[in-house]
Amino acid sequence: MDIKNLVKPNIRSLRAYHAEEIPCRVKLDANESPYGVKALKTVKTNRYPDPEAKALRRLLAKQFKTKPENILHGNGSDELIQCLITTFGGPVLFPTPTFSMYGIISQAQGEESAGIPLDEKFDLDTDNFLKAIKSRNPKLIFLSSPNNPTGNSFSEDRILKIIRQSKGLVIVDEAYQAFSDRKSFVPLLKKYQNLIILKTLSKIGLAGLRVGFMIAYKDVIDEMNKVRLPFNLNSLSQKLAVETLKKSALMRSEIKTIVSERKRLFNEMKKIYGIEPYPSDANFILFRTEKSDKIYKELLKRGILIRNMKGIIEGCLRVTVGTPNENRAFLKAIKSTV
């Protein structure tokens, strides 16, 4: 039996997202926080988790000045992206390059999707985006701002033009917004009923918990709850997320350290001949070099893992902001390879 004959055509041509684990002493490839939580109080593992994640949603609602019924929890933001596409379908629109799961999940669900290339400054190409909205009439538009892998925030006026012109839902993915000086789009939810804000705790020290959430109108949440699997967020993740969010002062301090290190890392990289770093609002820095493959391999020989953007943005690499010691190790190593 050829198992491929049983697979749906849209899955047959799909390439799986490959999160490769490469042994290294300094891991700066996955946009994780270098800081984390090591304590956990007792959780009853013999009982199913709260299917509504009530304590977590109440806390998030207070933090973002909304109501718990306007928040939906997910097993990472990936699950919420999947729920959105399952609930509303396509066409799905997004800029490119951006977070790859928008396209991967759309194809896996058998929905039509299209990527609109960013302009030369990695900002939204408004004219082409609006043309695509008119011709394709997308049900869902995903805008990651700050954007991965480019690191920049999209212009607010361009995002607003897309929201106003779209007859479908516009999801502003703020996975990296905590590291940006730009204001969140959450306050605009009161003005635009077709706006959804997607967030995650993965980038601020809780990647291992897989806790994502979205903020939207109650009508949107109600429809998505029809397809959300019961008990989708485990008890351990719920408990630890609540405990960590209550220690917001510590979390803000760690974020402040990452932002400070990002600025230092960017300024030091600018001094290195043959390296062109791009300004970033996230917890990583994209940089261009003619020796991208060579530098990636040489750093890995020294035990330092970063991300090679080959096939996505040619001639570019992406480094996550680590601890001060990790960043010093990266800078020392890259200076000896260029």
Foldseek 3Di string as FASTA:
>chain_A
DPVLVVDDPLVSPADDDDPDDDFFDFEWADLFAQDADDDDDDDPPVDFADQLLVLLLCLVCVVLVHDSLQKDKFLAVLVVLLLVCVLQNWDEEEAAPFPCSNVRSNSVVVGHYDYHYADPLNARPLVVLLVCCVVGLIQEYEAEAVTPPAFHGHDPVSLVVNLVSHPHAYEYEDAFVLLAPDDDCSVCLVVGQRYKYKYACRNQHPVVQRMIMMGHDSVSSVSSVVVDDGSRHGPRSSRVSSVVVVVVVVSNVSSVQLSVLVVVLQVLQVPAPQKAWDDHSGQKIKIFGPCQVQLQVQCVVVRYHHARCPPRDPRMTMTGRYHPVSSVSSSVRSSVRD
